[in-house]
């Protein structure tokens, strides 16, 4: 998979070059290319924002630099082009799986008060939000989506079964997990997990998934 990001803050993406994702990038499990929108500004001062027509607080990213950056990054429209936006469809685990099946993704990250609507109309295929709140730019949401999506790319996690039993994989939250020591600060690992009885362990984990989901996210049970 090839992932391209259009942003005013390319330095923010250093966080994707460490840990599991960093190793995956080094071994070419997927590719990440960052484009600085400011490099495509026709303004002599590389300005990329201006006041919105009709008034209002803040500044808006102008269309020319973004449009030219999109054309440079994806001239033949081979990418699914995504704009990170609070008004977009809320991102889910299922969507992460679907996006991971794409060969090419392009993310546009707005800043200030957002981007000129004409860029969205001309260039964007889909708008995605990571939640009902507003951030200073689309960069953090973009990194969240890239992280979630890349976990489903072959070879990134090392073990493909790592994504089989986790929160949201079946519409339920994940069961509790434990490691050594068997007792810590007076708290013991549940006996069933030490029993070696795989069927009973599976039953316990399923029951805990339902219990935790009911307590923390009952809305997920309502969807089942």
C-alpha atoms as a PDB file:
ATOM      1  CA  UNK A   1       0.000   0.000   0.000  1.00  0.00           C
ATOM      2  CA  UNK A   2       1.081   3.555  -0.738  1.00  0.00           C
ATOM      3  CA  UNK A   3      -0.142   6.304   1.604  1.00  0.00           C
ATOM      4  CA  UNK A   4       0.254   9.969   0.741  1.00  0.00           C
ATOM      5  CA  UNK A   5      -0.428  12.841   3.135  1.00  0.00           C
ATOM      6  CA  UNK A   6      -0.930  16.510   2.256  1.00  0.00           C
ATOM      7  CA  UNK A   7      -0.280  18.787   5.225  1.00  0.00           C
ATOM      8  CA  UNK A   8       1.135  22.093   6.406  1.00  0.00           C
ATOM      9  CA  UNK A   9       3.032  20.270   9.160  1.00  0.00           C
ATOM     10  CA  UNK A  10       5.078  17.393   7.694  1.00  0.00           C
ATOM     11  CA  UNK A  11       7.276  17.258  10.793  1.00  0.00           C
ATOM     12  CA  UNK A  12       4.292  16.026  12.807  1.00  0.00           C
ATOM     13  CA  UNK A  13       4.492  12.626  11.118  1.00  0.00           C
ATOM     14  CA  UNK A  14       7.781  11.654  12.731  1.00  0.00           C
ATOM     15  CA  UNK A  15       5.638   9.755  15.225  1.00  0.00           C
ATOM     16  CA  UNK A  16       4.770   7.229  12.522  1.00  0.00           C
ATOM     17  CA  UNK A  17       8.424   6.337  11.979  1.00  0.00           C
ATOM     18  CA  UNK A  18       8.954   4.693  15.373  1.00  0.00           C
ATOM     19  CA  UNK A  19       7.832   1.425  16.953  1.00  0.00           C
ATOM     20  CA  UNK A  20       5.862  -1.146  14.975  1.00  0.00           C
ATOM     21  CA  UNK A  21       4.982   1.246  12.157  1.00  0.00           C
ATOM     22  CA  UNK A  22       8.555   2.453  11.898  1.00  0.00           C
ATOM     23  CA  UNK A  23       9.768  -1.118  11.433  1.00  0.00           C
ATOM     24  CA  UNK A  24       7.022  -1.759   8.875  1.00  0.00           C
ATOM     25  CA  UNK A  25       8.083   1.300   6.884  1.00  0.00           C
ATOM     26  CA  UNK A  26      11.743   0.268   7.022  1.00  0.00           C
ATOM     27  CA  UNK A  27      10.865  -3.186   5.679  1.00  0.00           C
ATOM     28  CA  UNK A  28       8.574  -1.715   2.971  1.00  0.00           C
ATOM     29  CA  UNK A  29       5.379  -3.311   4.261  1.00  0.00           C
ATOM     30  CA  UNK A  30       3.777  -0.052   3.168  1.00  0.00           C
ATOM     31  CA  UNK A  31       4.961   3.328   1.898  1.00  0.00           C
ATOM     32  CA  UNK A  32       4.338   6.755   3.419  1.00  0.00           C
ATOM     33  CA  UNK A  33       4.985   9.957   1.488  1.00  0.00           C
ATOM     34  CA  UNK A  34       4.410  13.388   3.041  1.00  0.00           C
ATOM     35  CA  UNK A  35       3.707  16.464   0.897  1.00  0.00           C
ATOM     36  CA  UNK A  36       4.061  19.968   2.309  1.00  0.00           C
ATOM     37  CA  UNK A  37       1.132  21.936   0.882  1.00  0.00           C
ATOM     38  CA  UNK A  38       3.093  25.151   1.383  1.00  0.00           C
ATOM     39  CA  UNK A  39       5.586  24.010  -1.277  1.00  0.00           C
ATOM     40  CA  UNK A  40       2.842  24.306  -3.887  1.00  0.00           C
ATOM     41  CA  UNK A  41       1.694  27.823  -3.038  1.00  0.00           C
ATOM     42  CA  UNK A  42       1.949  30.295  -5.921  1.00  0.00           C
ATOM     43  CA  UNK A  43       2.191  33.153  -3.421  1.00  0.00           C
ATOM     44  CA  UNK A  44       5.705  34.582  -3.167  1.00  0.00           C
ATOM     45  CA  UNK A  45       5.539  34.259   0.621  1.00  0.00           C
ATOM     46  CA  UNK A  46       4.144  30.696   0.354  1.00  0.00           C
ATOM     47  CA  UNK A  47       0.924  31.828   2.014  1.00  0.00           C
ATOM     48  CA  UNK A  48      -1.760  29.147   2.210  1.00  0.00           C
ATOM     49  CA  UNK A  49      -4.583  30.839   4.119  1.00  0.00           C
ATOM     50  CA  UNK A  50      -6.921  33.819   3.842  1.00  0.00           C
ATOM     51  CA  UNK A  51     -10.055  35.304   5.429  1.00  0.00           C
ATOM     52  CA  UNK A  52     -13.330  33.498   4.628  1.00  0.00           C
ATOM     53  CA  UNK A  53     -15.899  35.218   2.432  1.00  0.00           C
ATOM     54  CA  UNK A  54     -18.970  36.192   4.416  1.00  0.00           C
ATOM     55  CA  UNK A  55     -16.953  36.818   7.559  1.00  0.00           C
ATOM     56  CA  UNK A  56     -16.304  34.578  10.505  1.00  0.00           C
ATOM     57  CA  UNK A  57     -13.526  33.801  12.936  1.00  0.00           C
ATOM     58  CA  UNK A  58     -10.169  32.484  11.850  1.00  0.00           C
ATOM     59  CA  UNK A  59      -8.532  31.795   8.520  1.00  0.00           C
ATOM     60  CA  UNK A  60      -9.273  29.275   5.780  1.00  0.00           C
ATOM     61  CA  UNK A  61      -6.824  27.313   3.658  1.00  0.00           C
ATOM     62  CA  UNK A  62      -6.912  28.604   0.082  1.00  0.00           C
ATOM     63  CA  UNK A  63      -7.682  26.257  -2.799  1.00  0.00           C
ATOM     64  CA  UNK A  64      -4.716  26.779  -5.157  1.00  0.00           C
ATOM     65  CA  UNK A  65      -1.915  25.239  -3.041  1.00  0.00           C
ATOM     66  CA  UNK A  66      -4.076  22.273  -2.068  1.00  0.00           C
ATOM     67  CA  UNK A  67      -5.297  21.624  -5.596  1.00  0.00           C
ATOM     68  CA  UNK A  68      -1.780  21.739  -7.016  1.00  0.00           C
ATOM     69  CA  UNK A  69      -0.484  19.489  -4.237  1.00  0.00           C
ATOM     70  CA  UNK A  70      -3.208  16.934  -4.967  1.00  0.00           C
ATOM     71  CA  UNK A  71      -2.360  16.990  -8.670  1.00  0.00           C
ATOM     72  CA  UNK A  72       1.329  16.505  -7.887  1.00  0.00           C
ATOM     73  CA  UNK A  73       0.715  13.644  -5.478  1.00  0.00           C
ATOM     74  CA  UNK A  74      -2.028  11.869  -7.414  1.00  0.00           C
ATOM     75  CA  UNK A  75      -2.177  13.140 -11.029  1.00  0.00           C
ATOM     76  CA  UNK A  76      -4.148  10.156 -12.351  1.00  0.00           C
ATOM     77  CA  UNK A  77      -6.498   9.867  -9.358  1.00  0.00           C
ATOM     78  CA  UNK A  78      -5.242   6.407  -8.432  1.00  0.00           C
ATOM     79  CA  UNK A  79      -5.699   7.112  -4.711  1.00  0.00           C
ATOM     80  CA  UNK A  80      -8.823   7.109  -2.627  1.00  0.00           C
ATOM     81  CA  UNK A  81      -8.685  10.736  -1.535  1.00  0.00           C
ATOM     82  CA  UNK A  82      -9.738  11.371   2.054  1.00  0.00           C
ATOM     83  CA  UNK A  83     -10.234  14.704   3.799  1.00  0.00           C
ATOM     84  CA  UNK A  84      -9.957  14.564   7.594  1.00  0.00           C
ATOM     85  CA  UNK A  85     -12.925  16.595   8.794  1.00  0.00           C
ATOM     86  CA  UNK A  86     -15.106  16.860  11.932  1.00  0.00           C
ATOM     87  CA  UNK A  87     -18.156  16.679   9.679  1.00  0.00           C
ATOM     88  CA  UNK A  88     -17.022  13.442   8.041  1.00  0.00           C
ATOM     89  CA  UNK A  89     -18.334   9.953   8.650  1.00  0.00           C
ATOM     90  CA  UNK A  90     -17.136   8.658  12.022  1.00  0.00           C
ATOM     91  CA  UNK A  91     -14.179   6.318  11.637  1.00  0.00           C
ATOM     92  CA  UNK A  92     -14.675   2.718  12.802  1.00  0.00           C
ATOM     93  CA  UNK A  93     -12.706  -0.514  12.963  1.00  0.00           C
ATOM     94  CA  UNK A  94     -14.686  -1.860  10.011  1.00  0.00           C
ATOM     95  CA  UNK A  95     -13.691   1.161   7.980  1.00  0.00           C
ATOM     96  CA  UNK A  96     -10.053   0.598   8.923  1.00  0.00           C
ATOM     97  CA  UNK A  97     -10.316  -2.906   7.495  1.00  0.00           C
ATOM     98  CA  UNK A  98     -11.915  -1.645   4.284  1.00  0.00           C
ATOM     99  CA  UNK A  99      -9.316   1.098   3.796  1.00  0.00           C
ATOM    100  CA  UNK A 100      -6.520  -1.425   4.347  1.00  0.00           C
ATOM    101  CA  UNK A 101      -7.661  -3.213   1.186  1.00  0.00           C
ATOM    102  CA  UNK A 102      -6.893  -0.158  -0.963  1.00  0.00           C
ATOM    103  CA  UNK A 103      -3.640   0.027  -2.909  1.00  0.00           C
ATOM    104  CA  UNK A 104      -3.355   3.814  -2.687  1.00  0.00           C
ATOM    105  CA  UNK A 105      -4.641   6.305  -0.119  1.00  0.00           C
ATOM    106  CA  UNK A 106      -4.272  10.080  -0.045  1.00  0.00           C
ATOM    107  CA  UNK A 107      -5.113  12.105   3.065  1.00  0.00           C
ATOM    108  CA  UNK A 108      -5.687  15.848   3.033  1.00  0.00           C
ATOM    109  CA  UNK A 109      -5.204  17.486   6.420  1.00  0.00           C
ATOM    110  CA  UNK A 110      -6.768  20.898   6.823  1.00  0.00           C
ATOM    111  CA  UNK A 111      -5.672  23.529   9.291  1.00  0.00           C
ATOM    112  CA  UNK A 112      -6.955  26.848  10.679  1.00  0.00           C
ATOM    113  CA  UNK A 113     -10.749  26.796  10.126  1.00  0.00           C
ATOM    114  CA  UNK A 114     -10.548  24.162   7.406  1.00  0.00           C
ATOM    115  CA  UNK A 115     -10.231  24.298   3.615  1.00  0.00           C
ATOM    116  CA  UNK A 116     -12.049  26.040   0.775  1.00  0.00           C
ATOM    117  CA  UNK A 117     -15.096  23.932  -0.157  1.00  0.00           C
ATOM    118  CA  UNK A 118     -14.123  23.967  -3.833  1.00  0.00           C
ATOM    119  CA  UNK A 119     -11.093  21.788  -3.100  1.00  0.00           C
ATOM    120  CA  UNK A 120     -13.377  19.228  -1.488  1.00  0.00           C
ATOM    121  CA  UNK A 121     -15.753  19.371  -4.441  1.00  0.00           C
ATOM    122  CA  UNK A 122     -12.956  19.014  -6.992  1.00  0.00           C
ATOM    123  CA  UNK A 123     -10.575  16.602  -5.324  1.00  0.00           C
ATOM    124  CA  UNK A 124     -11.985  14.627  -2.409  1.00  0.00           C
ATOM    125  CA  UNK A 125     -13.726  11.235  -2.495  1.00  0.00           C
ATOM    126  CA  UNK A 126     -14.564  10.839   1.172  1.00  0.00           C
ATOM    127  CA  UNK A 127     -14.558  12.794   4.452  1.00  0.00           C
ATOM    128  CA  UNK A 128     -13.624  11.033   7.696  1.00  0.00           C
ATOM    129  CA  UNK A 129     -13.897  12.130  11.329  1.00  0.00           C
ATOM    130  CA  UNK A 130     -12.394  10.375  14.354  1.00  0.00           C
ATOM    131  CA  UNK A 131     -14.983  11.821  16.746  1.00  0.00           C
ATOM    132  CA  UNK A 132     -17.387  14.594  17.591  1.00  0.00           C
ATOM    133  CA  UNK A 133     -14.821  17.206  18.576  1.00  0.00           C
ATOM    134  CA  UNK A 134     -12.609  19.759  16.837  1.00  0.00           C
ATOM    135  CA  UNK A 135      -8.796  19.845  16.766  1.00  0.00           C
ATOM    136  CA  UNK A 136      -6.371  22.472  15.486  1.00  0.00           C
ATOM    137  CA  UNK A 137      -5.638  20.493  12.319  1.00  0.00           C
ATOM    138  CA  UNK A 138      -6.387  17.192  10.629  1.00  0.00           C
ATOM    139  CA  UNK A 139      -2.926  15.803  11.313  1.00  0.00           C
ATOM    140  CA  UNK A 140      -3.587  13.948  14.552  1.00  0.00           C
ATOM    141  CA  UNK A 141      -6.774  12.359  13.141  1.00  0.00           C
ATOM    142  CA  UNK A 142      -4.839  11.416  10.017  1.00  0.00           C
ATOM    143  CA  UNK A 143      -2.161   9.676  12.067  1.00  0.00           C
ATOM    144  CA  UNK A 144      -4.849   7.836  14.024  1.00  0.00           C
ATOM    145  CA  UNK A 145      -6.415   6.551  10.814  1.00  0.00           C
ATOM    146  CA  UNK A 146      -3.056   5.562   9.300  1.00  0.00           C
ATOM    147  CA  UNK A 147      -2.149   3.699  12.488  1.00  0.00           C
ATOM    148  CA  UNK A 148      -5.454   1.823  12.564  1.00  0.00           C
ATOM    149  CA  UNK A 149      -5.386   1.001   8.857  1.00  0.00           C
ATOM    150  CA  UNK A 150      -1.755  -0.096   8.689  1.00  0.00           C
ATOM    151  CA  UNK A 151      -2.310  -2.745  11.373  1.00  0.00           C
ATOM    152  CA  UNK A 152      -4.323  -4.701   8.790  1.00  0.00           C
ATOM    153  CA  UNK A 153      -1.614  -4.612   6.126  1.00  0.00           C
ATOM    154  CA  UNK A 154       0.064  -7.993   5.729  1.00  0.00           C
ATOM    155  CA  UNK A 155       3.252  -8.265   7.746  1.00  0.00           C
ATOM    156  CA  UNK A 156       2.925  -5.059   9.756  1.00  0.00           C
ATOM    157  CA  UNK A 157       2.072  -6.755  13.066  1.00  0.00           C
ATOM    158  CA  UNK A 158       4.112  -9.889  12.399  1.00  0.00           C
ATOM    159  CA  UNK A 159       1.247 -12.183  13.414  1.00  0.00           C
ATOM    160  CA  UNK A 160      -1.928 -11.858  11.374  1.00  0.00           C
ATOM    161  CA  UNK A 161      -3.932 -13.322  14.273  1.00  0.00           C
ATOM    162  CA  UNK A 162      -3.121 -10.198  16.330  1.00  0.00           C
ATOM    163  CA  UNK A 163      -6.152  -8.443  14.850  1.00  0.00           C
ATOM    164  CA  UNK A 164      -8.541 -11.388  15.211  1.00  0.00           C
ATOM    165  CA  UNK A 165      -9.559 -10.972  18.844  1.00  0.00           C
ATOM    166  CA  UNK A 166      -9.446  -7.336  19.874  1.00  0.00           C
ATOM    167  CA  UNK A 167     -11.859  -4.541  20.667  1.00  0.00           C
ATOM    168  CA  UNK A 168     -14.514  -4.020  17.968  1.00  0.00           C
ATOM    169  CA  UNK A 169     -13.414  -7.077  15.955  1.00  0.00           C
ATOM    170  CA  UNK A 170     -16.839  -8.652  16.556  1.00  0.00           C
ATOM    171  CA  UNK A 171     -18.685  -5.565  17.705  1.00  0.00           C
ATOM    172  CA  UNK A 172     -17.554  -6.176  21.287  1.00  0.00           C
ATOM    173  CA  UNK A 173     -14.816  -4.735  23.476  1.00  0.00           C
ATOM    174  CA  UNK A 174     -11.765  -6.841  24.240  1.00  0.00           C
ATOM    175  CA  UNK A 175     -11.588  -9.188  27.235  1.00  0.00           C
ATOM    176  CA  UNK A 176      -9.063  -8.562  30.076  1.00  0.00           C
ATOM    177  CA  UNK A 177      -5.565  -9.943  29.564  1.00  0.00           C
ATOM    178  CA  UNK A 178      -2.853 -10.915  32.043  1.00  0.00           C
ATOM    179  CA  UNK A 179       0.819 -11.911  32.079  1.00  0.00           C
ATOM    180  CA  UNK A 180       3.421 -12.792  34.723  1.00  0.00           C
ATOM    181  CA  UNK A 181       3.533 -12.663  37.703  1.00  0.00           C
ATOM    182  CA  UNK A 182       0.448 -14.672  38.654  1.00  0.00           C
ATOM    183  CA  UNK A 183      -0.142 -12.350  41.618  1.00  0.00           C
ATOM    184  CA  UNK A 184       0.583  -8.621  41.770  1.00  0.00           C
ATOM    185  CA  UNK A 185      -0.294  -6.230  44.614  1.00  0.00           C
ATOM    186  CA  UNK A 186      -2.720  -8.824  45.951  1.00  0.00           C
ATOM    187  CA  UNK A 187      -4.502  -9.278  42.630  1.00  0.00           C
ATOM    188  CA  UNK A 188      -4.401 -12.761  41.080  1.00  0.00           C
ATOM    189  CA  UNK A 189      -4.758 -13.952  37.526  1.00  0.00           C
ATOM    190  CA  UNK A 190      -8.167 -15.690  37.116  1.00  0.00           C
ATOM    191  CA  UNK A 191      -7.808 -19.436  37.651  1.00  0.00           C
ATOM    192  CA  UNK A 192      -9.457 -20.300  34.346  1.00  0.00           C
ATOM    193  CA  UNK A 193      -6.573 -18.714  32.440  1.00  0.00           C
ATOM    194  CA  UNK A 194      -4.129 -21.008  34.242  1.00  0.00           C
ATOM    195  CA  UNK A 195      -6.185 -24.142  33.687  1.00  0.00           C
ATOM    196  CA  UNK A 196      -4.991 -24.993  30.184  1.00  0.00           C
ATOM    197  CA  UNK A 197      -8.622 -25.748  29.282  1.00  0.00           C
ATOM    198  CA  UNK A 198      -8.971 -23.864  25.997  1.00  0.00           C
ATOM    199  CA  UNK A 199     -12.740 -24.232  25.693  1.00  0.00           C
ATOM    200  CA  UNK A 200     -13.314 -22.836  29.189  1.00  0.00           C
ATOM    201  CA  UNK A 201     -10.870 -19.993  28.502  1.00  0.00           C
ATOM    202  CA  UNK A 202     -12.802 -19.132  25.325  1.00  0.00           C
ATOM    203  CA  UNK A 203     -16.117 -19.140  27.232  1.00  0.00           C
ATOM    204  CA  UNK A 204     -14.660 -16.928  29.985  1.00  0.00           C
ATOM    205  CA  UNK A 205     -13.266 -14.452  27.465  1.00  0.00           C
ATOM    206  CA  UNK A 206     -16.554 -14.232  25.587  1.00  0.00           C
ATOM    207  CA  UNK A 207     -18.486 -13.663  28.803  1.00  0.00           C
ATOM    208  CA  UNK A 208     -16.049 -10.928  29.815  1.00  0.00           C
ATOM    209  CA  UNK A 209     -16.366  -9.259  26.414  1.00  0.00           C
ATOM    210  CA  UNK A 210     -20.121  -9.045  26.804  1.00  0.00           C
ATOM    211  CA  UNK A 211     -19.848  -7.914  30.444  1.00  0.00           C
ATOM    212  CA  UNK A 212     -17.341  -5.143  29.653  1.00  0.00           C
ATOM    213  CA  UNK A 213     -19.185  -3.997  26.543  1.00  0.00           C
ATOM    214  CA  UNK A 214     -22.454  -3.819  28.490  1.00  0.00           C
ATOM    215  CA  UNK A 215     -20.781  -1.717  31.186  1.00  0.00           C
ATOM    216  CA  UNK A 216     -18.710   0.619  29.010  1.00  0.00           C
ATOM    217  CA  UNK A 217     -20.295   0.673  25.552  1.00  0.00           C
ATOM    218  CA  UNK A 218     -23.893  -0.617  25.684  1.00  0.00           C
ATOM    219  CA  UNK A 219     -24.522   1.114  22.361  1.00  0.00           C
ATOM    220  CA  UNK A 220     -22.407  -1.565  20.663  1.00  0.00           C
ATOM    221  CA  UNK A 221     -24.720  -4.308  21.954  1.00  0.00           C
ATOM    222  CA  UNK A 222     -27.732  -2.415  20.650  1.00  0.00           C
ATOM    223  CA  UNK A 223     -26.263  -2.600  17.141  1.00  0.00           C
ATOM    224  CA  UNK A 224     -25.868  -6.396  17.218  1.00  0.00           C
END
